[in-house]
Amino acid sequence: MQVKGILSCLFKRQRGAAMTELLVALPALLLMGLGGLQSALLFDAKTTINYATFEAARKG
């Protein structure tokens, strides 16, 4: 019975450690993900502006 209690206590500690690790890593992961999304949006805007200027130059 005592071994079961010790194992139960260890698993509870592991669950808490996982939550702490997630809270430490989550801001960095969100920053990288949102930064990648922002880079893709900037690239799309740059491509659109380049295409618009080429079309304007073509029309004269």
Protein backbone atom coordinates (compact mmCIF):
# COMPACT_ATOMS: atom_id res chain seq x y z
CA MET A 1 0.00 0.00 0.00
CA GLN A 2 2.82 2.36 0.81
CA VAL A 3 4.53 1.79 -2.56
CA LYS A 4 1.31 2.75 -4.33
CA GLY A 5 1.19 6.00 -2.37
CA ILE A 6 4.80 6.82 -3.25
CA LEU A 7 4.21 6.13 -6.96
CA SER A 8 1.06 8.23 -6.87
CA CYS A 9 2.99 11.12 -5.35
CA LEU A 10 5.73 10.83 -8.00
CA PHE A 11 3.21 10.88 -10.84
CA LYS A 12 1.54 13.98 -9.41
CA ARG A 13 4.91 15.71 -9.29
CA GLN A 14 5.58 14.76 -12.90
CA ARG A 15 2.24 16.20 -13.95
CA GLY A 16 3.11 19.47 -12.25
CA ALA A 17 6.56 19.50 -13.86
CA ALA A 18 5.05 19.03 -17.29
CA MET A 19 2.74 21.98 -16.74
CA THR A 20 5.67 24.15 -15.65
CA GLU A 21 7.71 23.13 -18.69
CA LEU A 22 4.76 23.92 -20.94
CA LEU A 23 4.36 27.37 -19.38
CA VAL A 24 8.05 28.06 -19.96
CA ALA A 25 8.11 26.80 -23.56
CA LEU A 26 4.71 28.05 -24.75
CA PRO A 27 5.60 31.76 -25.14
CA ALA A 28 8.65 30.90 -27.23
CA LEU A 29 6.64 28.52 -29.42
CA LEU A 30 3.89 31.09 -29.89
CA LEU A 31 6.44 33.77 -30.74
CA MET A 32 8.06 31.58 -33.38
CA GLY A 33 4.73 30.51 -34.86
CA LEU A 34 3.29 33.99 -35.03
CA GLY A 35 6.60 35.34 -36.32
CA GLY A 36 6.49 32.82 -39.15
CA LEU A 37 2.93 33.82 -39.96
CA GLN A 38 3.88 37.50 -39.96
CA SER A 39 6.82 36.78 -42.28
CA ALA A 40 4.50 34.97 -44.70
CA LEU A 41 2.08 37.90 -44.67
CA LEU A 42 4.90 40.38 -45.32
CA PHE A 43 6.18 38.27 -48.21
CA ASP A 44 2.68 38.13 -49.69
CA ALA A 45 2.31 41.91 -49.42
CA LYS A 46 5.71 42.45 -51.05
CA THR A 47 4.79 40.12 -53.90
CA THR A 48 1.48 41.92 -54.42
CA ILE A 49 3.17 45.33 -54.50
CA ASN A 50 5.79 44.10 -56.97
CA TYR A 51 3.11 42.68 -59.24
CA ALA A 52 1.10 45.92 -59.06
CA THR A 53 4.13 48.03 -59.99
CA PHE A 54 4.97 45.77 -62.93
CA GLU A 55 1.39 45.99 -64.18
CA ALA A 56 1.37 49.79 -63.77
CA ALA A 57 4.65 50.09 -65.68
CA ARG A 58 3.29 47.85 -68.43
CA LYS A 59 0.16 49.99 -68.85
CA GLY A 60 2.27 53.11 -68.97
